[in-house]
Amino acid sequence: MRRETRVRITKSQISEAPPFSHYCHMFFAFRIQQEQWLNVNLLGESRHTSTVGDASI
C-alpha cells in the first residue's frame, strides 16, 4: 500500500512538472508523513515489525 501511494505521487509530479522548490516541499512533507506513520505503527502495532522494515527500505 505504501509503495502504491509513492508511485502515484511521482506520476503526478512528472505530469505536472512542478518547480524544484515545490518538489523539495513535497519530498519533505512525504518524509515527515512517513516518519509519523512509522512512529504510530511502532507504538500502536508492534506485531507488524516486518511491515515497518519493508516500508523503510
Protein backbone atom coordinates (compact mmCIF):
# COMPACT_ATOMS: atom_id res chain seq x y z
CA MET A 1 0.00 0.00 0.00
CA ARG A 2 2.85 2.36 0.83
CA ARG A 3 4.62 1.86 -2.49
CA GLU A 4 1.42 2.46 -4.49
CA THR A 5 0.96 5.91 -2.92
CA ARG A 6 4.59 6.79 -3.64
CA VAL A 7 4.24 5.80 -7.30
CA ARG A 8 1.02 7.82 -7.68
CA ILE A 9 2.69 10.94 -6.22
CA THR A 10 5.69 10.52 -8.53
CA LYS A 11 3.46 10.20 -11.60
CA SER A 12 1.56 13.38 -10.72
CA GLN A 13 4.83 15.27 -10.21
CA ILE A 14 6.18 14.15 -13.59
CA SER A 15 2.98 15.07 -15.45
CA GLU A 16 2.64 18.49 -13.81
CA ALA A 17 6.39 19.26 -13.93
CA PRO A 18 6.44 21.47 -10.79
CA PRO A 19 9.30 23.82 -9.80
CA PHE A 20 12.25 22.40 -7.92
CA SER A 21 11.22 24.14 -4.69
CA HIS A 22 7.78 22.54 -4.87
CA TYR A 23 9.41 19.17 -5.44
CA CYS A 24 11.55 19.63 -2.31
CA HIS A 25 8.50 20.66 -0.31
CA MET A 26 6.60 17.56 -1.42
CA PHE A 27 9.60 15.37 -0.59
CA PHE A 28 10.00 16.72 2.96
CA ALA A 29 6.25 16.57 3.55
CA PHE A 30 6.28 12.93 2.44
CA ARG A 31 9.25 12.18 4.70
CA ILE A 32 7.54 13.74 7.72
CA GLN A 33 4.33 11.83 6.97
CA GLN A 34 6.30 8.60 6.59
CA GLU A 35 8.13 9.13 9.90
CA GLN A 36 4.84 9.83 11.71
CA TRP A 37 3.29 6.72 10.15
CA LEU A 38 6.29 4.62 11.24
CA ASN A 39 6.15 6.02 14.79
CA VAL A 40 2.42 5.33 15.10
CA ASN A 41 2.88 1.86 13.68
CA LEU A 42 5.77 1.10 16.07
CA LEU A 43 3.91 2.37 19.13
CA GLY A 44 0.44 1.07 18.27
CA GLU A 45 1.07 -2.22 16.50
CA SER A 46 4.39 -3.78 17.47
CA ARG A 47 3.37 -7.10 15.88
CA HIS A 48 3.78 -5.57 12.38
CA THR A 49 7.52 -5.06 12.73
CA SER A 50 8.20 -6.87 9.44
CA THR A 51 5.91 -4.48 7.52
CA VAL A 52 7.69 -1.45 9.00
CA GLY A 53 11.03 -2.87 7.88
CA ASP A 54 9.81 -3.29 4.30
CA ALA A 55 8.44 0.26 4.18
CA SER A 56 11.69 1.81 5.44
CA ILE A 57 13.73 0.30 2.57
